[in-house]
Amino acid sequence: MIFISIEDFYEKVSSFSKMSRQEEKECALQMKEGSTAARERLIQSYLPMVAAHIKHMPSHMQNLGFVLYCQQALEKAVDSFNFLQDSETFSHRLSWYLRQADVKYIVNSRR
């Protein structure tokens, strides 16, 4: 998904809604079979959580570069998480990846 400004990002993301646990499991099964559409659907359902994370950052970090870091973190989290097991919640895993993106962005922006 392409965004032209941070406001455009927030506007587009606001139209997505979170999936139910059952829908997540169905998408995970489809992903196992190679469905990229199911992967995109999972990613889109968690973009509002990413947007909320970005809104809580200092204003100098609220830019498209940081959005890209967070979006990549979301993609890594979706690719590495087993939605079919019930031991850990995805939002917990995603928050860990987002914190890693925060650090990576800060380190790379100081270069």
PDB file of N, CA and C in Angstrom:
ATOM      1  N   MET A   1       0.842  -1.168   0.000  1.00  0.00           N
ATOM      2  CA  MET A   1       0.000   0.000   0.000  1.00  0.00           C
ATOM      3  C   MET A   1       0.894   1.240   0.000  1.00  0.00           C
ATOM      4  N   ILE A   2       0.537   2.211  -0.780  1.00  0.00           N
ATOM      5  CA  ILE A   2       1.335   3.421  -0.930  1.00  0.00           C
ATOM      6  C   ILE A   2       0.613   4.600  -0.280  1.00  0.00           C
ATOM      7  N   PHE A   3       1.377   5.403   0.449  1.00  0.00           N
ATOM      8  CA  PHE A   3       0.839   6.589   1.110  1.00  0.00           C
ATOM      9  C   PHE A   3       1.609   7.801   0.631  1.00  0.00           C
ATOM     10  N   ILE A   4       0.912   8.919   0.451  1.00  0.00           N
ATOM     11  CA  ILE A   4       1.587  10.126  -0.027  1.00  0.00           C
ATOM     12  C   ILE A   4       1.922  11.097   1.101  1.00  0.00           C
ATOM     13  N   SER A   5       1.308  10.888   2.264  1.00  0.00           N
ATOM     14  CA  SER A   5       1.605  11.725   3.429  1.00  0.00           C
ATOM     15  C   SER A   5       1.197  10.945   4.674  1.00  0.00           C
ATOM     16  N   ILE A   6       1.622  11.436   5.822  1.00  0.00           N
ATOM     17  CA  ILE A   6       1.244  10.784   7.072  1.00  0.00           C
ATOM     18  C   ILE A   6      -0.271  10.882   7.293  1.00  0.00           C
ATOM     19  N   GLU A   7      -0.858  11.993   6.859  1.00  0.00           N
ATOM     20  CA  GLU A   7      -2.316  12.143   6.968  1.00  0.00           C
ATOM     21  C   GLU A   7      -3.035  11.141   6.077  1.00  0.00           C
ATOM     22  N   ASP A   8      -2.487  10.908   4.880  1.00  0.00           N
ATOM     23  CA  ASP A   8      -3.047   9.912   3.965  1.00  0.00           C
ATOM     24  C   ASP A   8      -2.978   8.521   4.596  1.00  0.00           C
ATOM     25  N   PHE A   9      -1.879   8.233   5.260  1.00  0.00           N
ATOM     26  CA  PHE A   9      -1.730   6.952   5.956  1.00  0.00           C
ATOM     27  C   PHE A   9      -2.825   6.790   6.992  1.00  0.00           C
ATOM     28  N   TYR A  10      -2.999   7.796   7.868  1.00  0.00           N
ATOM     29  CA  TYR A  10      -4.021   7.708   8.912  1.00  0.00           C
ATOM     30  C   TYR A  10      -5.419   7.577   8.321  1.00  0.00           C
ATOM     31  N   GLU A  11      -5.666   8.295   7.236  1.00  0.00           N
ATOM     32  CA  GLU A  11      -6.994   8.243   6.596  1.00  0.00           C
ATOM     33  C   GLU A  11      -7.275   6.852   6.024  1.00  0.00           C
ATOM     34  N   LYS A  12      -6.315   6.292   5.293  1.00  0.00           N
ATOM     35  CA  LYS A  12      -6.518   4.975   4.684  1.00  0.00           C
ATOM     36  C   LYS A  12      -6.633   3.877   5.735  1.00  0.00           C
ATOM     37  N   VAL A  13      -5.831   3.982   6.768  1.00  0.00           N
ATOM     38  CA  VAL A  13      -5.821   2.955   7.811  1.00  0.00           C
ATOM     39  C   VAL A  13      -7.116   2.959   8.614  1.00  0.00           C
ATOM     40  N   SER A  14      -7.725   4.103   8.760  1.00  0.00           N
ATOM     41  CA  SER A  14      -8.961   4.189   9.546  1.00  0.00           C
ATOM     42  C   SER A  14     -10.106   3.376   8.940  1.00  0.00           C
ATOM     43  N   SER A  15     -10.005   3.031   7.674  1.00  0.00           N
ATOM     44  CA  SER A  15     -11.069   2.260   7.031  1.00  0.00           C
ATOM     45  C   SER A  15     -10.951   0.760   7.288  1.00  0.00           C
ATOM     46  N   PHE A  16      -9.824   0.309   7.852  1.00  0.00           N
ATOM     47  CA  PHE A  16      -9.628  -1.117   8.115  1.00  0.00           C
ATOM     48  C   PHE A  16     -10.146  -1.475   9.501  1.00  0.00           C
ATOM     49  N   SER A  17     -10.675  -2.690   9.613  1.00  0.00           N
ATOM     50  CA  SER A  17     -11.156  -3.153  10.915  1.00  0.00           C
ATOM     51  C   SER A  17     -10.427  -4.436  11.312  1.00  0.00           C
ATOM     52  N   LYS A  18     -10.361  -4.661  12.611  1.00  0.00           N
ATOM     53  CA  LYS A  18      -9.677  -5.827  13.130  1.00  0.00           C
ATOM     54  C   LYS A  18     -10.512  -7.081  12.867  1.00  0.00           C
ATOM     55  N   MET A  19      -9.807  -8.164  12.594  1.00  0.00           N
ATOM     56  CA  MET A  19     -10.473  -9.447  12.348  1.00  0.00           C
ATOM     57  C   MET A  19     -10.793 -10.142  13.665  1.00  0.00           C
ATOM     58  N   SER A  20     -11.741 -11.063  13.583  1.00  0.00           N
ATOM     59  CA  SER A  20     -11.995 -11.924  14.735  1.00  0.00           C
ATOM     60  C   SER A  20     -10.910 -12.999  14.773  1.00  0.00           C
ATOM     61  N   ARG A  21     -10.816 -13.679  15.875  1.00  0.00           N
ATOM     62  CA  ARG A  21      -9.818 -14.750  16.021  1.00  0.00           C
ATOM     63  C   ARG A  21     -10.060 -15.847  14.983  1.00  0.00           C
ATOM     64  N   GLN A  22     -11.313 -16.159  14.726  1.00  0.00           N
ATOM     65  CA  GLN A  22     -11.648 -17.193  13.744  1.00  0.00           C
ATOM     66  C   GLN A  22     -11.218 -16.771  12.337  1.00  0.00           C
ATOM     67  N   GLU A  23     -11.429 -15.504  11.990  1.00  0.00           N
ATOM     68  CA  GLU A  23     -11.006 -15.007  10.679  1.00  0.00           C
ATOM     69  C   GLU A  23      -9.486 -15.060  10.542  1.00  0.00           C
ATOM     70  N   GLU A  24      -8.774 -14.763  11.634  1.00  0.00           N
ATOM     71  CA  GLU A  24      -7.316 -14.848  11.613  1.00  0.00           C
ATOM     72  C   GLU A  24      -6.860 -16.270  11.323  1.00  0.00           C
ATOM     73  N   LYS A  25      -7.509 -17.232  11.963  1.00  0.00           N
ATOM     74  CA  LYS A  25      -7.145 -18.640  11.748  1.00  0.00           C
ATOM     75  C   LYS A  25      -7.422 -19.059  10.303  1.00  0.00           C
ATOM     76  N   GLU A  26      -8.537 -18.591   9.756  1.00  0.00           N
ATOM     77  CA  GLU A  26      -8.852 -18.917   8.361  1.00  0.00           C
ATOM     78  C   GLU A  26      -7.820 -18.325   7.411  1.00  0.00           C
ATOM     79  N   CYS A  27      -7.422 -17.080   7.665  1.00  0.00           N
ATOM     80  CA  CYS A  27      -6.388 -16.449   6.840  1.00  0.00           C
ATOM     81  C   CYS A  27      -5.055 -17.174   6.987  1.00  0.00           C
ATOM     82  N   ALA A  28      -4.752 -17.625   8.212  1.00  0.00           N
ATOM     83  CA  ALA A  28      -3.500 -18.348   8.444  1.00  0.00           C
ATOM     84  C   ALA A  28      -3.471 -19.650   7.650  1.00  0.00           C
ATOM     85  N   LEU A  29      -4.597 -20.332   7.607  1.00  0.00           N
ATOM     86  CA  LEU A  29      -4.668 -21.563   6.816  1.00  0.00           C
ATOM     87  C   LEU A  29      -4.483 -21.264   5.331  1.00  0.00           C
ATOM     88  N   GLN A  30      -5.091 -20.193   4.866  1.00  0.00           N
ATOM     89  CA  GLN A  30      -4.936 -19.804   3.464  1.00  0.00           C
ATOM     90  C   GLN A  30      -3.504 -19.378   3.169  1.00  0.00           C
ATOM     91  N   MET A  31      -2.859 -18.707   4.133  1.00  0.00           N
ATOM     92  CA  MET A  31      -1.461 -18.315   3.960  1.00  0.00           C
ATOM     93  C   MET A  31      -0.567 -19.540   3.831  1.00  0.00           C
ATOM     94  N   LYS A  32      -0.867 -20.563   4.616  1.00  0.00           N
ATOM     95  CA  LYS A  32      -0.096 -21.810   4.549  1.00  0.00           C
ATOM     96  C   LYS A  32      -0.160 -22.421   3.157  1.00  0.00           C
ATOM     97  N   GLU A  33      -1.277 -22.203   2.489  1.00  0.00           N
ATOM     98  CA  GLU A  33      -1.467 -22.727   1.138  1.00  0.00           C
ATOM     99  C   GLU A  33      -0.908 -21.776   0.088  1.00  0.00           C
ATOM    100  N   GLY A  34      -0.327 -20.653   0.517  1.00  0.00           N
ATOM    101  CA  GLY A  34       0.328 -19.739  -0.406  1.00  0.00           C
ATOM    102  C   GLY A  34      -0.475 -18.522  -0.821  1.00  0.00           C
ATOM    103  N   SER A  35      -1.556 -18.226  -0.128  1.00  0.00           N
ATOM    104  CA  SER A  35      -2.406 -17.092  -0.501  1.00  0.00           C
ATOM    105  C   SER A  35      -1.790 -15.770  -0.046  1.00  0.00           C
ATOM    106  N   THR A  36      -1.434 -14.944  -1.015  1.00  0.00           N
ATOM    107  CA  THR A  36      -0.913 -13.616  -0.674  1.00  0.00           C
ATOM    108  C   THR A  36      -2.054 -12.672  -0.284  1.00  0.00           C
ATOM    109  N   ALA A  37      -3.244 -12.929  -0.792  1.00  0.00           N
ATOM    110  CA  ALA A  37      -4.403 -12.098  -0.438  1.00  0.00           C
ATOM    111  C   ALA A  37      -4.731 -12.246   1.041  1.00  0.00           C
ATOM    112  N   ALA A  38      -4.621 -13.452   1.571  1.00  0.00           N
ATOM    113  CA  ALA A  38      -4.874 -13.679   3.003  1.00  0.00           C
ATOM    114  C   ALA A  38      -3.828 -12.964   3.847  1.00  0.00           C
ATOM    115  N   ARG A  39      -2.583 -12.995   3.402  1.00  0.00           N
ATOM    116  CA  ARG A  39      -1.498 -12.292   4.109  1.00  0.00           C
ATOM    117  C   ARG A  39      -1.780 -10.793   4.133  1.00  0.00           C
ATOM    118  N   GLU A  40      -2.162 -10.234   2.994  1.00  0.00           N
ATOM    119  CA  GLU A  40      -2.467  -8.805   2.920  1.00  0.00           C
ATOM    120  C   GLU A  40      -3.649  -8.444   3.810  1.00  0.00           C
ATOM    121  N   ARG A  41      -4.610  -9.325   3.871  1.00  0.00           N
ATOM    122  CA  ARG A  41      -5.784  -9.070   4.714  1.00  0.00           C
ATOM    123  C   ARG A  41      -5.387  -9.021   6.195  1.00  0.00           C
ATOM    124  N   LEU A  42      -4.509  -9.944   6.601  1.00  0.00           N
ATOM    125  CA  LEU A  42      -4.015  -9.922   7.977  1.00  0.00           C
ATOM    126  C   LEU A  42      -3.237  -8.642   8.262  1.00  0.00           C
ATOM    127  N   ILE A  43      -2.394  -8.262   7.327  1.00  0.00           N
ATOM    128  CA  ILE A  43      -1.599  -7.042   7.491  1.00  0.00           C
ATOM    129  C   ILE A  43      -2.522  -5.832   7.616  1.00  0.00           C
ATOM    130  N   GLN A  44      -3.504  -5.738   6.746  1.00  0.00           N
ATOM    131  CA  GLN A  44      -4.420  -4.594   6.790  1.00  0.00           C
ATOM    132  C   GLN A  44      -5.226  -4.544   8.079  1.00  0.00           C
ATOM    133  N   SER A  45      -5.562  -5.703   8.627  1.00  0.00           N
ATOM    134  CA  SER A  45      -6.363  -5.697   9.851  1.00  0.00           C
ATOM    135  C   SER A  45      -5.577  -5.179  11.052  1.00  0.00           C
ATOM    136  N   TYR A  46      -4.246  -5.239  10.986  1.00  0.00           N
ATOM    137  CA  TYR A  46      -3.429  -4.742  12.095  1.00  0.00           C
ATOM    138  C   TYR A  46      -2.811  -3.371  11.829  1.00  0.00           C
ATOM    139  N   LEU A  47      -3.063  -2.787  10.677  1.00  0.00           N
ATOM    140  CA  LEU A  47      -2.551  -1.437  10.411  1.00  0.00           C
ATOM    141  C   LEU A  47      -3.094  -0.380  11.386  1.00  0.00           C
ATOM    142  N   PRO A  48      -4.349  -0.475  11.848  1.00  0.00           N
ATOM    143  CA  PRO A  48      -4.792   0.506  12.845  1.00  0.00           C
ATOM    144  C   PRO A  48      -3.961   0.461  14.135  1.00  0.00           C
ATOM    145  N   MET A  49      -3.500  -0.724  14.524  1.00  0.00           N
ATOM    146  CA  MET A  49      -2.650  -0.834  15.705  1.00  0.00           C
ATOM    147  C   MET A  49      -1.301  -0.160  15.448  1.00  0.00           C
ATOM    148  N   VAL A  50      -0.790  -0.319  14.237  1.00  0.00           N
ATOM    149  CA  VAL A  50       0.457   0.339  13.856  1.00  0.00           C
ATOM    150  C   VAL A  50       0.265   1.859  13.873  1.00  0.00           C
ATOM    151  N   ALA A  51      -0.855   2.321  13.354  1.00  0.00           N
ATOM    152  CA  ALA A  51      -1.137   3.767  13.336  1.00  0.00           C
ATOM    153  C   ALA A  51      -1.216   4.315  14.759  1.00  0.00           C
ATOM    154  N   ALA A  52      -1.832   3.572  15.658  1.00  0.00           N
ATOM    155  CA  ALA A  52      -1.910   4.014  17.055  1.00  0.00           C
ATOM    156  C   ALA A  52      -0.516   4.090  17.667  1.00  0.00           C
ATOM    157  N   HIS A  53       0.328   3.136  17.331  1.00  0.00           N
ATOM    158  CA  HIS A  53       1.713   3.147  17.820  1.00  0.00           C
ATOM    159  C   HIS A  53       2.446   4.395  17.320  1.00  0.00           C
ATOM    160  N   ILE A  54       2.279   4.701  16.057  1.00  0.00           N
ATOM    161  CA  ILE A  54       2.962   5.854  15.462  1.00  0.00           C
ATOM    162  C   ILE A  54       2.462   7.162  16.078  1.00  0.00           C
ATOM    163  N   LYS A  55       1.160   7.244  16.338  1.00  0.00           N
ATOM    164  CA  LYS A  55       0.593   8.464  16.923  1.00  0.00           C
ATOM    165  C   LYS A  55       1.150   8.751  18.319  1.00  0.00           C
ATOM    166  N   HIS A  56       1.604   7.715  19.016  1.00  0.00           N
ATOM    167  CA  HIS A  56       2.149   7.902  20.363  1.00  0.00           C
ATOM    168  C   HIS A  56       3.635   8.241  20.368  1.00  0.00           C
ATOM    169  N   MET A  57       4.228   8.322  19.202  1.00  0.00           N
ATOM    170  CA  MET A  57       5.651   8.655  19.115  1.00  0.00           C
ATOM    171  C   MET A  57       5.820  10.175  19.072  1.00  0.00           C
ATOM    172  N   PRO A  58       7.021  10.665  19.372  1.00  0.00           N
ATOM    173  CA  PRO A  58       7.261  12.114  19.269  1.00  0.00           C
ATOM    174  C   PRO A  58       6.994  12.607  17.845  1.00  0.00           C
ATOM    175  N   SER A  59       6.642  13.860  17.711  1.00  0.00           N
ATOM    176  CA  SER A  59       6.233  14.410  16.411  1.00  0.00           C
ATOM    177  C   SER A  59       7.325  14.295  15.343  1.00  0.00           C
ATOM    178  N   HIS A  60       8.595  14.362  15.741  1.00  0.00           N
ATOM    179  CA  HIS A  60       9.659  14.268  14.735  1.00  0.00           C
ATOM    180  C   HIS A  60       9.770  12.862  14.142  1.00  0.00           C
ATOM    181  N   MET A  61       9.143  11.866  14.784  1.00  0.00           N
ATOM    182  CA  MET A  61       9.159  10.497  14.253  1.00  0.00           C
ATOM    183  C   MET A  61       7.906  10.177  13.437  1.00  0.00           C
ATOM    184  N   GLN A  62       6.932  11.058  13.443  1.00  0.00           N
ATOM    185  CA  GLN A  62       5.693  10.804  12.720  1.00  0.00           C
ATOM    186  C   GLN A  62       5.863  11.259  11.277  1.00  0.00           C
ATOM    187  N   ASN A  63       6.516  10.415  10.494  1.00  0.00           N
ATOM    188  CA  ASN A  63       6.747  10.706   9.085  1.00  0.00           C
ATOM    189  C   ASN A  63       6.661   9.406   8.286  1.00  0.00           C
ATOM    190  N   LEU A  64       6.691   9.529   6.962  1.00  0.00           N
ATOM    191  CA  LEU A  64       6.528   8.344   6.112  1.00  0.00           C
ATOM    192  C   LEU A  64       7.683   7.366   6.240  1.00  0.00           C
ATOM    193  N   GLY A  65       8.872   7.852   6.555  1.00  0.00           N
ATOM    194  CA  GLY A  65       9.997   6.950   6.762  1.00  0.00           C
ATOM    195  C   GLY A  65       9.750   6.019   7.935  1.00  0.00           C
ATOM    196  N   PHE A  66       9.237   6.579   9.024  1.00  0.00           N
ATOM    197  CA  PHE A  66       8.933   5.762  10.198  1.00  0.00           C
ATOM    198  C   PHE A  66       7.756   4.835   9.915  1.00  0.00           C
ATOM    199  N   VAL A  67       6.788   5.297   9.137  1.00  0.00           N
ATOM    200  CA  VAL A  67       5.663   4.437   8.748  1.00  0.00           C
ATOM    201  C   VAL A  67       6.188   3.207   8.011  1.00  0.00           C
ATOM    202  N   LEU A  68       7.158   3.414   7.138  1.00  0.00           N
ATOM    203  CA  LEU A  68       7.749   2.300   6.396  1.00  0.00           C
ATOM    204  C   LEU A  68       8.416   1.305   7.333  1.00  0.00           C
ATOM    205  N   TYR A  69       9.171   1.783   8.303  1.00  0.00           N
ATOM    206  CA  TYR A  69       9.800   0.886   9.274  1.00  0.00           C
ATOM    207  C   TYR A  69       8.746   0.072  10.025  1.00  0.00           C
ATOM    208  N   CYS A  70       7.676   0.733  10.438  1.00  0.00           N
ATOM    209  CA  CYS A  70       6.614   0.052  11.182  1.00  0.00           C
ATOM    210  C   CYS A  70       5.837  -0.921  10.303  1.00  0.00           C
ATOM    211  N   GLN A  71       5.638  -0.562   9.067  1.00  0.00           N
ATOM    212  CA  GLN A  71       4.940  -1.458   8.148  1.00  0.00           C
ATOM    213  C   GLN A  71       5.787  -2.709   7.884  1.00  0.00           C
ATOM    214  N   GLN A  72       7.080  -2.547   7.754  1.00  0.00           N
ATOM    215  CA  GLN A  72       7.968  -3.697   7.587  1.00  0.00           C
ATOM    216  C   GLN A  72       7.961  -4.572   8.833  1.00  0.00           C
ATOM    217  N   ALA A  73       7.895  -3.948  10.007  1.00  0.00           N
ATOM    218  CA  ALA A  73       7.816  -4.706  11.256  1.00  0.00           C
ATOM    219  C   ALA A  73       6.527  -5.528  11.296  1.00  0.00           C
ATOM    220  N   LEU A  74       5.436  -4.933  10.853  1.00  0.00           N
ATOM    221  CA  LEU A  74       4.157  -5.647  10.799  1.00  0.00           C
ATOM    222  C   LEU A  74       4.247  -6.842   9.858  1.00  0.00           C
ATOM    223  N   GLU A  75       4.849  -6.652   8.698  1.00  0.00           N
ATOM    224  CA  GLU A  75       4.990  -7.747   7.744  1.00  0.00           C
ATOM    225  C   GLU A  75       5.842  -8.878   8.316  1.00  0.00           C
ATOM    226  N   LYS A  76       6.934  -8.534   8.991  1.00  0.00           N
ATOM    227  CA  LYS A  76       7.783  -9.555   9.614  1.00  0.00           C
ATOM    228  C   LYS A  76       7.017 -10.306  10.693  1.00  0.00           C
ATOM    229  N   ALA A  77       6.231  -9.571  11.472  1.00  0.00           N
ATOM    230  CA  ALA A  77       5.447 -10.204  12.533  1.00  0.00           C
ATOM    231  C   ALA A  77       4.419 -11.167  11.958  1.00  0.00           C
ATOM    232  N   VAL A  78       3.735 -10.756  10.901  1.00  0.00           N
ATOM    233  CA  VAL A  78       2.740 -11.631  10.266  1.00  0.00           C
ATOM    234  C   VAL A  78       3.412 -12.881   9.692  1.00  0.00           C
ATOM    235  N   ASP A  79       4.563 -12.699   9.059  1.00  0.00           N
ATOM    236  CA  ASP A  79       5.249 -13.834   8.446  1.00  0.00           C
ATOM    237  C   ASP A  79       5.809 -14.818   9.469  1.00  0.00           C
ATOM    238  N   SER A  80       6.166 -14.335  10.651  1.00  0.00           N
ATOM    239  CA  SER A  80       6.808 -15.209  11.630  1.00  0.00           C
ATOM    240  C   SER A  80       5.844 -15.792  12.665  1.00  0.00           C
ATOM    241  N   PHE A  81       4.629 -15.307  12.720  1.00  0.00           N
ATOM    242  CA  PHE A  81       3.699 -15.725  13.769  1.00  0.00           C
ATOM    243  C   PHE A  81       2.868 -16.924  13.328  1.00  0.00           C
ATOM    244  N   ASN A  82       2.656 -17.843  14.253  1.00  0.00           N
ATOM    245  CA  ASN A  82       1.787 -18.990  13.998  1.00  0.00           C
ATOM    246  C   ASN A  82       0.401 -18.667  14.564  1.00  0.00           C
ATOM    247  N   PHE A  83      -0.492 -18.230  13.696  1.00  0.00           N
ATOM    248  CA  PHE A  83      -1.838 -17.845  14.114  1.00  0.00           C
ATOM    249  C   PHE A  83      -2.679 -19.044  14.541  1.00  0.00           C
ATOM    250  N   LEU A  84      -2.217 -20.248  14.245  1.00  0.00           N
ATOM    251  CA  LEU A  84      -2.999 -21.439  14.544  1.00  0.00           C
ATOM    252  C   LEU A  84      -2.788 -21.946  15.969  1.00  0.00           C
ATOM    253  N   GLN A  85      -1.786 -21.445  16.663  1.00  0.00           N
ATOM    254  CA  GLN A  85      -1.596 -21.840  18.064  1.00  0.00           C
ATOM    255  C   GLN A  85      -2.136 -20.747  18.963  1.00  0.00           C
ATOM    256  N   ASP A  86      -2.446 -21.092  20.177  1.00  0.00           N
ATOM    257  CA  ASP A  86      -3.093 -20.140  21.079  1.00  0.00           C
ATOM    258  C   ASP A  86      -2.217 -19.704  22.242  1.00  0.00           C
ATOM    259  N   SER A  87      -0.915 -19.910  22.152  1.00  0.00           N
ATOM    260  CA  SER A  87      -0.063 -19.621  23.296  1.00  0.00           C
ATOM    261  C   SER A  87       0.222 -18.130  23.476  1.00  0.00           C
ATOM    262  N   GLU A  88       0.424 -17.403  22.417  1.00  0.00           N
ATOM    263  CA  GLU A  88       0.794 -15.991  22.485  1.00  0.00           C
ATOM    264  C   GLU A  88      -0.156 -15.200  21.584  1.00  0.00           C
ATOM    265  N   THR A  89      -0.470 -13.978  21.989  1.00  0.00           N
ATOM    266  CA  THR A  89      -1.330 -13.169  21.126  1.00  0.00           C
ATOM    267  C   THR A  89      -0.481 -12.481  20.064  1.00  0.00           C
ATOM    268  N   PHE A  90      -1.083 -12.235  18.920  1.00  0.00           N
ATOM    269  CA  PHE A  90      -0.347 -11.575  17.846  1.00  0.00           C
ATOM    270  C   PHE A  90      -0.007 -10.142  18.226  1.00  0.00           C
ATOM    271  N   SER A  91      -0.895  -9.469  18.927  1.00  0.00           N
ATOM    272  CA  SER A  91      -0.622  -8.076  19.290  1.00  0.00           C
ATOM    273  C   SER A  91       0.617  -7.982  20.184  1.00  0.00           C
ATOM    274  N   HIS A  92       0.851  -8.986  21.015  1.00  0.00           N
ATOM    275  CA  HIS A  92       2.064  -9.014  21.828  1.00  0.00           C
ATOM    276  C   HIS A  92       3.289  -9.141  20.934  1.00  0.00           C
ATOM    277  N   ARG A  93       3.231 -10.044  19.969  1.00  0.00           N
ATOM    278  CA  ARG A  93       4.348 -10.227  19.038  1.00  0.00           C
ATOM    279  C   ARG A  93       4.574  -8.953  18.222  1.00  0.00           C
ATOM    280  N   LEU A  94       3.492  -8.360  17.746  1.00  0.00           N
ATOM    281  CA  LEU A  94       3.601  -7.145  16.943  1.00  0.00           C
ATOM    282  C   LEU A  94       4.223  -6.009  17.741  1.00  0.00           C
ATOM    283  N   SER A  95       3.828  -5.867  19.002  1.00  0.00           N
ATOM    284  CA  SER A  95       4.392  -4.783  19.804  1.00  0.00           C
ATOM    285  C   SER A  95       5.901  -4.960  19.962  1.00  0.00           C
ATOM    286  N   TRP A  96       6.376  -6.193  20.066  1.00  0.00           N
ATOM    287  CA  TRP A  96       7.817  -6.436  20.146  1.00  0.00           C
ATOM    288  C   TRP A  96       8.501  -5.994  18.853  1.00  0.00           C
ATOM    289  N   TYR A  97       7.939  -6.362  17.709  1.00  0.00           N
ATOM    290  CA  TYR A  97       8.518  -5.968  16.423  1.00  0.00           C
ATOM    291  C   TYR A  97       8.476  -4.449  16.236  1.00  0.00           C
ATOM    292  N   LEU A  98       7.422  -3.806  16.713  1.00  0.00           N
ATOM    293  CA  LEU A  98       7.329  -2.349  16.590  1.00  0.00           C
ATOM    294  C   LEU A  98       8.389  -1.656  17.446  1.00  0.00           C
ATOM    295  N   ARG A  99       8.641  -2.177  18.635  1.00  0.00           N
ATOM    296  CA  ARG A  99       9.705  -1.596  19.463  1.00  0.00           C
ATOM    297  C   ARG A  99      11.063  -1.756  18.787  1.00  0.00           C
ATOM    298  N   GLN A 100      11.274  -2.882  18.117  1.00  0.00           N
ATOM    299  CA  GLN A 100      12.516  -3.081  17.372  1.00  0.00           C
ATOM    300  C   GLN A 100      12.619  -2.070  16.223  1.00  0.00           C
ATOM    301  N   ALA A 101      11.494  -1.800  15.571  1.00  0.00           N
ATOM    302  CA  ALA A 101      11.474  -0.812  14.484  1.00  0.00           C
ATOM    303  C   ALA A 101      11.782   0.582  15.017  1.00  0.00           C
ATOM    304  N   ASP A 102      11.278   0.896  16.216  1.00  0.00           N
ATOM    305  CA  ASP A 102      11.573   2.196  16.831  1.00  0.00           C
ATOM    306  C   ASP A 102      13.082   2.378  16.987  1.00  0.00           C
ATOM    307  N   VAL A 103      13.711   1.390  17.554  1.00  0.00           N
ATOM    308  CA  VAL A 103      15.161   1.468  17.797  1.00  0.00           C
ATOM    309  C   VAL A 103      15.918   1.551  16.478  1.00  0.00           C
ATOM    310  N   LYS A 104      15.543   0.735  15.536  1.00  0.00           N
ATOM    311  CA  LYS A 104      16.217   0.731  14.224  1.00  0.00           C
ATOM    312  C   LYS A 104      16.082   2.089  13.542  1.00  0.00           C
ATOM    313  N   TYR A 105      14.895   2.681  13.614  1.00  0.00           N
ATOM    314  CA  TYR A 105      14.674   3.980  12.996  1.00  0.00           C
ATOM    315  C   TYR A 105      15.532   5.058  13.672  1.00  0.00           C
ATOM    316  N   ILE A 106      15.553   5.053  14.991  1.00  0.00           N
ATOM    317  CA  ILE A 106      16.328   6.057  15.727  1.00  0.00           C
ATOM    318  C   ILE A 106      17.809   5.925  15.399  1.00  0.00           C
ATOM    319  N   VAL A 107      18.320   4.712  15.403  1.00  0.00           N
ATOM    320  CA  VAL A 107      19.747   4.496  15.106  1.00  0.00           C
ATOM    321  C   VAL A 107      20.073   4.940  13.673  1.00  0.00           C
ATOM    322  N   ASN A 108      19.238   4.546  12.730  1.00  0.00           N
ATOM    323  CA  ASN A 108      19.508   4.893  11.332  1.00  0.00           C
ATOM    324  C   ASN A 108      19.306   6.376  11.028  1.00  0.00           C
ATOM    325  N   SER A 109      18.449   7.046  11.778  1.00  0.00           N
ATOM    326  CA  SER A 109      18.226   8.478  11.530  1.00  0.00           C
ATOM    327  C   SER A 109      19.356   9.344  12.080  1.00  0.00           C
ATOM    328  N   ARG A 110      20.147   8.783  12.949  1.00  0.00           N
ATOM    329  CA  ARG A 110      21.273   9.545  13.523  1.00  0.00           C
ATOM    330  C   ARG A 110      22.541   9.433  12.700  1.00  0.00           C
ATOM    331  N   ARG A 111      22.508   8.626  11.673  1.00  0.00           N
ATOM    332  CA  ARG A 111      23.698   8.452  10.815  1.00  0.00           C
ATOM    333  C   ARG A 111      23.869   9.599   9.876  1.00  0.00           C
TER     334      ARG A 111
END
